[in-house]
Amino acid sequence: MSEKLVLVGILPETMVIAPSEQVVWVSDAGSLRVEFDPNRCPFQSNLFQAPMGMRLMSGTPRPGSKPGSYKYKISLNEQLIGTGEVLLREK
């Protein structure tokens, strides 16, 4: 019997970053969209989008962002596939 390999991506549920770090998402499976609550986002923008295979970078948190938990939704090809969380720690 022949086999077809399917690679399944793993999404970290929680990513811990320092004020000098950024988050990078990438997908070879389709276009990617990451959306934070517009009223509760540590980055310059609450919405990040990239085509298949491109790195999606958050940039470092805005100066003055408070340490804590920031939740986001992640979509692949405009279909919601899950949620995630960025934990911003103190310096």
Protein backbone atom coordinates (compact mmCIF):
# COMPACT_ATOMS: atom_id res chain seq x y z
CA MET A 1 0.00 0.00 0.00
CA SER A 2 1.42 3.41 -0.90
CA GLU A 3 1.36 6.25 1.57
CA LYS A 4 0.87 10.00 1.29
CA LEU A 5 2.57 12.03 3.98
CA VAL A 6 0.60 14.80 5.65
CA LEU A 7 2.57 17.24 7.80
CA VAL A 8 0.45 18.79 10.50
CA GLY A 9 1.62 22.09 11.97
CA ILE A 10 1.86 22.66 15.68
CA LEU A 11 0.66 25.98 17.05
CA PRO A 12 2.07 26.96 20.39
CA GLU A 13 -0.82 27.91 22.62
CA THR A 14 1.30 30.38 24.56
CA MET A 15 4.38 32.34 23.49
CA VAL A 16 6.41 34.21 26.14
CA ILE A 17 8.33 37.28 24.97
CA ALA A 18 10.40 40.05 26.52
CA PRO A 19 9.92 43.72 25.58
CA SER A 20 12.87 43.45 23.16
CA GLU A 21 11.54 40.35 21.35
CA GLN A 22 8.93 39.73 18.67
CA VAL A 23 6.70 36.87 17.57
CA VAL A 24 7.07 35.32 14.10
CA TRP A 25 4.40 33.14 12.52
CA VAL A 26 4.82 31.26 9.22
CA SER A 27 2.64 28.86 7.24
CA ASP A 28 3.39 26.87 4.13
CA ALA A 29 -0.23 25.72 4.01
CA GLY A 30 -1.91 28.99 2.97
CA SER A 31 -2.35 32.67 3.72
CA LEU A 32 -2.12 33.52 7.39
CA ARG A 33 -4.02 36.06 9.48
CA VAL A 34 -3.37 36.84 13.15
CA GLU A 35 -5.81 39.16 14.94
CA PHE A 36 -5.55 40.59 18.45
CA ASP A 37 -8.33 42.48 20.22
CA PRO A 38 -7.91 46.09 19.01
CA ASN A 39 -8.36 47.35 22.58
CA ARG A 40 -5.86 44.90 24.05
CA CYS A 41 -2.80 44.47 21.86
CA PRO A 42 0.85 45.10 22.78
CA PHE A 43 1.98 45.67 19.17
CA GLN A 44 1.72 48.63 16.77
CA SER A 45 -1.05 46.85 14.88
CA ASN A 46 -3.64 44.36 16.06
CA LEU A 47 -3.93 42.68 12.65
CA PHE A 48 -1.16 40.81 10.79
CA GLN A 49 -1.53 39.09 7.41
CA ALA A 50 0.89 37.27 5.11
CA PRO A 51 0.65 35.09 2.02
CA MET A 52 1.67 31.44 2.08
CA GLY A 53 5.32 30.87 2.96
CA MET A 54 6.00 34.45 4.11
CA ARG A 55 7.13 35.26 7.64
CA LEU A 56 4.61 37.26 9.62
CA MET A 57 6.47 39.39 12.21
CA SER A 58 4.80 41.28 15.05
CA GLY A 59 7.65 43.69 15.75
CA THR A 60 8.61 44.46 19.32
CA PRO A 61 5.86 45.51 21.74
CA ARG A 62 4.95 49.21 21.87
CA PRO A 63 6.79 51.20 24.52
CA GLY A 64 4.65 51.33 27.64
CA SER A 65 2.85 48.03 26.95
CA LYS A 66 2.03 46.40 30.25
CA PRO A 67 3.30 42.92 31.04
CA GLY A 68 0.51 40.38 30.84
CA SER A 69 -1.52 38.09 28.64
CA TYR A 70 -2.63 39.08 25.12
CA LYS A 71 -4.88 36.63 23.25
CA TYR A 72 -5.27 36.37 19.47
CA LYS A 73 -7.18 34.44 16.81
CA ILE A 74 -5.34 32.77 13.94
CA SER A 75 -6.84 32.03 10.53
CA LEU A 76 -5.55 30.09 7.55
CA ASN A 77 -7.05 30.94 4.15
CA GLU A 78 -9.71 33.03 5.93
CA GLN A 79 -10.83 30.07 8.09
CA LEU A 80 -10.43 30.35 11.85
CA ILE A 81 -8.12 27.52 12.95
CA GLY A 82 -7.44 28.40 16.57
CA THR A 83 -6.41 30.85 19.21
CA GLY A 84 -3.14 31.71 20.85
CA GLU A 85 -1.69 33.85 23.58
CA VAL A 86 1.34 36.09 23.88
CA LEU A 87 2.65 36.58 27.42
CA LEU A 88 4.63 39.79 27.66
CA ARG A 89 7.02 39.60 30.58
CA GLU A 90 8.80 42.41 32.38
CA LYS A 91 12.36 43.31 31.43
